[in-house]
N, C-alpha and C. Protein backbone atom coordinates (compact mmCIF):
# COMPACT_ATOMS: atom_id res chain seq x y z
N MET A 1 -91.85 48.56 26.42
CA MET A 1 -93.07 49.34 26.48
C MET A 1 -94.20 48.49 27.04
N GLN A 2 -94.89 48.99 28.02
CA GLN A 2 -96.01 48.27 28.64
C GLN A 2 -97.26 48.46 27.79
N GLU A 3 -97.80 47.35 27.35
CA GLU A 3 -99.03 47.40 26.53
C GLU A 3 -100.23 47.66 27.44
N THR A 4 -101.25 48.30 26.89
CA THR A 4 -102.46 48.54 27.67
C THR A 4 -103.19 47.23 27.88
N LEU A 5 -104.05 47.21 28.88
CA LEU A 5 -104.82 46.00 29.17
C LEU A 5 -105.67 45.62 27.97
N ALA A 6 -106.26 46.59 27.31
CA ALA A 6 -107.12 46.28 26.15
C ALA A 6 -106.32 45.57 25.05
N ARG A 7 -105.13 46.05 24.76
CA ARG A 7 -104.30 45.40 23.72
C ARG A 7 -103.90 43.99 24.14
N ARG A 8 -103.57 43.83 25.41
CA ARG A 8 -103.19 42.50 25.90
C ARG A 8 -104.37 41.53 25.80
N LEU A 9 -105.56 42.03 26.12
CA LEU A 9 -106.75 41.17 26.07
C LEU A 9 -107.10 40.79 24.64
N VAL A 10 -106.95 41.73 23.71
CA VAL A 10 -107.19 41.40 22.30
C VAL A 10 -106.21 40.34 21.83
N ALA A 11 -104.94 40.49 22.21
CA ALA A 11 -103.93 39.50 21.83
C ALA A 11 -104.27 38.13 22.43
N GLU A 12 -104.67 38.11 23.68
CA GLU A 12 -105.05 36.84 24.31
C GLU A 12 -106.28 36.23 23.64
N ALA A 13 -107.25 37.06 23.31
CA ALA A 13 -108.47 36.57 22.66
C ALA A 13 -108.14 35.95 21.31
N LEU A 14 -107.36 36.64 20.51
CA LEU A 14 -106.99 36.10 19.20
C LEU A 14 -106.17 34.83 19.34
N GLY A 15 -105.19 34.85 20.22
CA GLY A 15 -104.35 33.69 20.41
C GLY A 15 -105.12 32.47 20.88
N THR A 16 -106.02 32.67 21.83
CA THR A 16 -106.81 31.56 22.35
C THR A 16 -107.75 31.01 21.29
N ALA A 17 -108.38 31.89 20.53
CA ALA A 17 -109.28 31.44 19.47
C ALA A 17 -108.52 30.65 18.40
N PHE A 18 -107.35 31.15 17.98
CA PHE A 18 -106.55 30.42 17.00
C PHE A 18 -106.09 29.07 17.54
N LEU A 19 -105.68 29.04 18.81
CA LEU A 19 -105.21 27.80 19.41
C LEU A 19 -106.33 26.76 19.44
N LEU A 20 -107.49 27.15 19.94
CA LEU A 20 -108.58 26.19 20.04
C LEU A 20 -109.12 25.76 18.69
N THR A 21 -109.16 26.67 17.74
CA THR A 21 -109.59 26.31 16.40
C THR A 21 -108.64 25.27 15.81
N THR A 22 -107.35 25.45 16.03
CA THR A 22 -106.36 24.51 15.52
C THR A 22 -106.45 23.16 16.22
N VAL A 23 -106.54 23.17 17.54
CA VAL A 23 -106.59 21.92 18.29
C VAL A 23 -107.84 21.11 17.94
N VAL A 24 -108.99 21.75 17.98
CA VAL A 24 -110.24 21.03 17.71
C VAL A 24 -110.31 20.65 16.23
N GLY A 25 -109.96 21.59 15.35
CA GLY A 25 -110.02 21.30 13.92
C GLY A 25 -109.08 20.18 13.51
N SER A 26 -107.84 20.20 14.02
CA SER A 26 -106.91 19.13 13.66
C SER A 26 -107.33 17.81 14.28
N GLY A 27 -107.97 17.85 15.44
CA GLY A 27 -108.49 16.61 16.03
C GLY A 27 -109.60 16.00 15.20
N ILE A 28 -110.51 16.84 14.72
CA ILE A 28 -111.60 16.36 13.86
C ILE A 28 -111.02 15.81 12.56
N MET A 29 -110.12 16.57 11.95
CA MET A 29 -109.51 16.13 10.70
C MET A 29 -108.73 14.83 10.89
N ALA A 30 -107.96 14.74 11.96
CA ALA A 30 -107.16 13.55 12.22
C ALA A 30 -108.04 12.32 12.40
N GLU A 31 -109.14 12.49 13.12
CA GLU A 31 -110.05 11.35 13.33
C GLU A 31 -110.64 10.87 12.01
N ARG A 32 -110.98 11.80 11.15
CA ARG A 32 -111.58 11.44 9.86
C ARG A 32 -110.58 10.80 8.92
N LEU A 33 -109.33 11.25 8.96
CA LEU A 33 -108.34 10.78 7.99
C LEU A 33 -107.50 9.59 8.47
N ALA A 34 -107.51 9.29 9.76
CA ALA A 34 -106.63 8.25 10.29
C ALA A 34 -107.16 6.84 10.06
N GLY A 35 -108.37 6.69 9.63
CA GLY A 35 -108.90 5.36 9.34
C GLY A 35 -108.94 4.44 10.54
N GLY A 36 -109.23 4.98 11.72
CA GLY A 36 -109.33 4.15 12.92
C GLY A 36 -108.02 3.95 13.65
N ASN A 37 -106.91 4.38 13.11
CA ASN A 37 -105.61 4.25 13.76
C ASN A 37 -105.46 5.40 14.76
N LEU A 38 -105.69 5.11 16.04
CA LEU A 38 -105.67 6.15 17.07
C LEU A 38 -104.29 6.78 17.27
N ALA A 39 -103.25 5.98 17.12
CA ALA A 39 -101.89 6.53 17.27
C ALA A 39 -101.62 7.56 16.18
N LEU A 40 -102.03 7.27 14.97
CA LEU A 40 -101.85 8.21 13.86
C LEU A 40 -102.70 9.46 14.08
N ALA A 41 -103.92 9.27 14.56
CA ALA A 41 -104.80 10.42 14.84
C ALA A 41 -104.19 11.32 15.91
N LEU A 42 -103.63 10.73 16.94
CA LEU A 42 -102.98 11.52 18.00
C LEU A 42 -101.78 12.29 17.45
N LEU A 43 -100.98 11.64 16.65
CA LEU A 43 -99.84 12.31 16.04
C LEU A 43 -100.30 13.45 15.13
N CYS A 44 -101.35 13.20 14.35
CA CYS A 44 -101.88 14.22 13.44
C CYS A 44 -102.49 15.40 14.19
N ASN A 45 -102.86 15.21 15.43
CA ASN A 45 -103.38 16.29 16.25
C ASN A 45 -102.26 17.01 17.01
N THR A 46 -101.25 16.27 17.42
CA THR A 46 -100.17 16.83 18.21
C THR A 46 -99.27 17.77 17.41
N LEU A 47 -98.95 17.41 16.19
CA LEU A 47 -98.04 18.22 15.38
C LEU A 47 -98.59 19.62 15.10
N PRO A 48 -99.83 19.77 14.64
CA PRO A 48 -100.35 21.13 14.44
C PRO A 48 -100.49 21.91 15.75
N THR A 49 -100.80 21.22 16.84
CA THR A 49 -100.93 21.89 18.12
C THR A 49 -99.59 22.49 18.55
N GLY A 50 -98.53 21.71 18.46
CA GLY A 50 -97.21 22.22 18.80
C GLY A 50 -96.77 23.36 17.89
N ALA A 51 -97.08 23.22 16.60
CA ALA A 51 -96.69 24.26 15.64
C ALA A 51 -97.43 25.57 15.92
N ILE A 52 -98.74 25.49 16.17
CA ILE A 52 -99.50 26.73 16.40
C ILE A 52 -99.10 27.35 17.74
N LEU A 53 -98.77 26.54 18.74
CA LEU A 53 -98.31 27.11 20.00
C LEU A 53 -97.02 27.90 19.80
N PHE A 54 -96.10 27.36 19.02
CA PHE A 54 -94.85 28.07 18.74
C PHE A 54 -95.15 29.41 18.06
N VAL A 55 -96.00 29.38 17.05
CA VAL A 55 -96.34 30.60 16.31
C VAL A 55 -97.02 31.61 17.22
N LEU A 56 -98.00 31.17 17.99
CA LEU A 56 -98.76 32.09 18.85
C LEU A 56 -97.89 32.70 19.94
N ILE A 57 -97.03 31.91 20.54
CA ILE A 57 -96.14 32.45 21.58
C ILE A 57 -95.16 33.43 20.97
N THR A 58 -94.68 33.14 19.77
CA THR A 58 -93.76 34.05 19.09
C THR A 58 -94.46 35.37 18.74
N VAL A 59 -95.68 35.28 18.24
CA VAL A 59 -96.40 36.47 17.80
C VAL A 59 -96.94 37.29 18.98
N PHE A 60 -97.59 36.63 19.92
CA PHE A 60 -98.29 37.34 20.99
C PHE A 60 -97.51 37.42 22.30
N GLY A 61 -96.39 36.74 22.40
CA GLY A 61 -95.63 36.73 23.65
C GLY A 61 -95.23 38.10 24.14
N THR A 62 -94.79 38.96 23.24
CA THR A 62 -94.36 40.30 23.65
C THR A 62 -95.53 41.23 23.94
N LEU A 63 -96.70 40.92 23.39
CA LEU A 63 -97.87 41.77 23.63
C LEU A 63 -98.57 41.45 24.94
N SER A 64 -98.86 40.15 25.15
CA SER A 64 -99.69 39.80 26.28
C SER A 64 -99.07 38.76 27.21
N GLY A 65 -97.93 38.24 26.84
CA GLY A 65 -97.36 37.14 27.60
C GLY A 65 -97.77 35.80 27.02
N ALA A 66 -98.71 35.80 26.09
CA ALA A 66 -99.22 34.58 25.43
C ALA A 66 -99.58 33.51 26.46
N HIS A 67 -100.40 33.87 27.43
CA HIS A 67 -100.81 32.90 28.45
C HIS A 67 -101.62 31.78 27.81
N LEU A 68 -102.66 32.12 27.05
CA LEU A 68 -103.48 31.19 26.28
C LEU A 68 -104.13 30.10 27.14
N ASN A 69 -104.02 30.21 28.44
CA ASN A 69 -104.53 29.18 29.34
C ASN A 69 -104.66 29.81 30.73
N PRO A 70 -105.81 29.66 31.36
CA PRO A 70 -105.99 30.25 32.69
C PRO A 70 -104.98 29.73 33.72
N ALA A 71 -104.48 28.52 33.54
CA ALA A 71 -103.49 27.99 34.49
C ALA A 71 -102.20 28.81 34.44
N VAL A 72 -101.82 29.25 33.25
CA VAL A 72 -100.63 30.09 33.11
C VAL A 72 -100.87 31.44 33.79
N SER A 73 -102.05 32.00 33.57
CA SER A 73 -102.39 33.27 34.21
C SER A 73 -102.41 33.13 35.73
N LEU A 74 -102.90 31.99 36.21
CA LEU A 74 -102.94 31.75 37.66
C LEU A 74 -101.53 31.75 38.25
N VAL A 75 -100.59 31.17 37.54
CA VAL A 75 -99.20 31.18 38.02
C VAL A 75 -98.68 32.61 38.11
N PHE A 76 -98.99 33.43 37.10
CA PHE A 76 -98.57 34.84 37.14
C PHE A 76 -99.22 35.55 38.32
N LEU A 77 -100.48 35.25 38.60
CA LEU A 77 -101.17 35.85 39.74
C LEU A 77 -100.52 35.42 41.05
N LEU A 78 -100.24 34.14 41.20
CA LEU A 78 -99.64 33.63 42.43
C LEU A 78 -98.22 34.16 42.65
N ARG A 79 -97.51 34.44 41.55
CA ARG A 79 -96.17 35.02 41.66
C ARG A 79 -96.23 36.53 41.85
N ARG A 80 -97.45 37.07 41.87
CA ARG A 80 -97.70 38.50 42.07
C ARG A 80 -97.11 39.37 40.95
N THR A 81 -97.07 38.82 39.74
CA THR A 81 -96.66 39.62 38.58
C THR A 81 -97.87 40.03 37.74
N MET A 82 -99.06 39.70 38.25
CA MET A 82 -100.31 40.06 37.59
C MET A 82 -101.32 40.41 38.67
N THR A 83 -102.11 41.45 38.42
CA THR A 83 -103.11 41.85 39.41
C THR A 83 -104.33 40.95 39.32
N GLY A 84 -105.11 40.95 40.37
CA GLY A 84 -106.33 40.15 40.39
C GLY A 84 -107.32 40.57 39.32
N SER A 85 -107.43 41.87 39.07
CA SER A 85 -108.36 42.34 38.04
C SER A 85 -107.89 41.95 36.64
N ASP A 86 -106.58 42.01 36.41
CA ASP A 86 -106.05 41.55 35.12
C ASP A 86 -106.28 40.05 34.94
N PHE A 87 -106.05 39.30 36.02
CA PHE A 87 -106.29 37.85 35.97
C PHE A 87 -107.74 37.55 35.60
N ALA A 88 -108.67 38.22 36.26
CA ALA A 88 -110.09 37.99 35.97
C ALA A 88 -110.40 38.32 34.51
N ALA A 89 -109.85 39.41 34.01
CA ALA A 89 -110.09 39.79 32.62
C ALA A 89 -109.51 38.75 31.66
N TYR A 90 -108.30 38.27 31.93
CA TYR A 90 -107.69 37.25 31.08
C TYR A 90 -108.55 35.98 31.06
N VAL A 91 -109.06 35.57 32.22
CA VAL A 91 -109.87 34.35 32.30
C VAL A 91 -111.17 34.52 31.53
N VAL A 92 -111.84 35.64 31.71
CA VAL A 92 -113.11 35.88 31.01
C VAL A 92 -112.90 35.90 29.50
N VAL A 93 -111.90 36.65 29.05
CA VAL A 93 -111.62 36.73 27.61
C VAL A 93 -111.19 35.37 27.07
N GLY A 94 -110.34 34.68 27.80
CA GLY A 94 -109.87 33.37 27.36
C GLY A 94 -111.01 32.38 27.22
N TYR A 95 -111.91 32.35 28.20
CA TYR A 95 -113.03 31.42 28.13
C TYR A 95 -113.94 31.76 26.95
N GLY A 96 -114.22 33.04 26.77
CA GLY A 96 -115.10 33.44 25.67
C GLY A 96 -114.52 33.07 24.31
N ARG A 97 -113.24 33.31 24.12
CA ARG A 97 -112.61 32.99 22.84
C ARG A 97 -112.42 31.49 22.69
N CYS A 98 -112.22 30.79 23.80
CA CYS A 98 -112.10 29.34 23.76
C CYS A 98 -113.39 28.74 23.24
N ARG A 99 -114.50 29.19 23.76
CA ARG A 99 -115.81 28.71 23.29
C ARG A 99 -116.00 29.04 21.82
N ARG A 100 -115.67 30.26 21.42
CA ARG A 100 -115.86 30.69 20.03
C ARG A 100 -114.94 29.91 19.09
N GLY A 101 -113.69 29.71 19.49
CA GLY A 101 -112.76 28.96 18.66
C GLY A 101 -113.20 27.53 18.46
N ALA A 102 -113.67 26.89 19.53
CA ALA A 102 -114.15 25.51 19.42
C ALA A 102 -115.40 25.44 18.56
N ASP A 103 -116.29 26.39 18.71
CA ASP A 103 -117.50 26.42 17.88
C ASP A 103 -117.14 26.59 16.42
N ARG A 104 -116.20 27.47 16.11
CA ARG A 104 -115.79 27.69 14.71
C ARG A 104 -115.17 26.43 14.12
N ALA A 105 -114.35 25.75 14.89
CA ALA A 105 -113.72 24.53 14.37
C ALA A 105 -114.76 23.45 14.08
N CYS A 106 -115.78 23.37 14.89
CA CYS A 106 -116.83 22.36 14.68
C CYS A 106 -117.74 22.72 13.52
N ASP A 107 -117.80 24.00 13.15
CA ASP A 107 -118.64 24.43 12.02
C ASP A 107 -118.05 24.04 10.68
N VAL A 108 -116.74 23.82 10.64
CA VAL A 108 -116.07 23.59 9.35
C VAL A 108 -116.36 22.21 8.84
């Protein structure tokens, strides 16, 4: 079943916001808890990032393709499996949620 553009954009917005909140939040937490050990901080940031990517792709993959990144959307556009207007909508929604997700993570 082909999802409507609105549903796909909502899925992308939620996925991008969750991804950025996790990446930025785990980075802040890792820096605070690692006690100056950069290797440990990187590991503490990488593990949650990989885990949330798995969850988001599993949850949103069938709805929107789980692009979560304009570079992924660009590949779909270049392969002609996505229209230019859909690409523009994905980029606008992704950027907006990216900003909001990062802002939320920094507020905590």
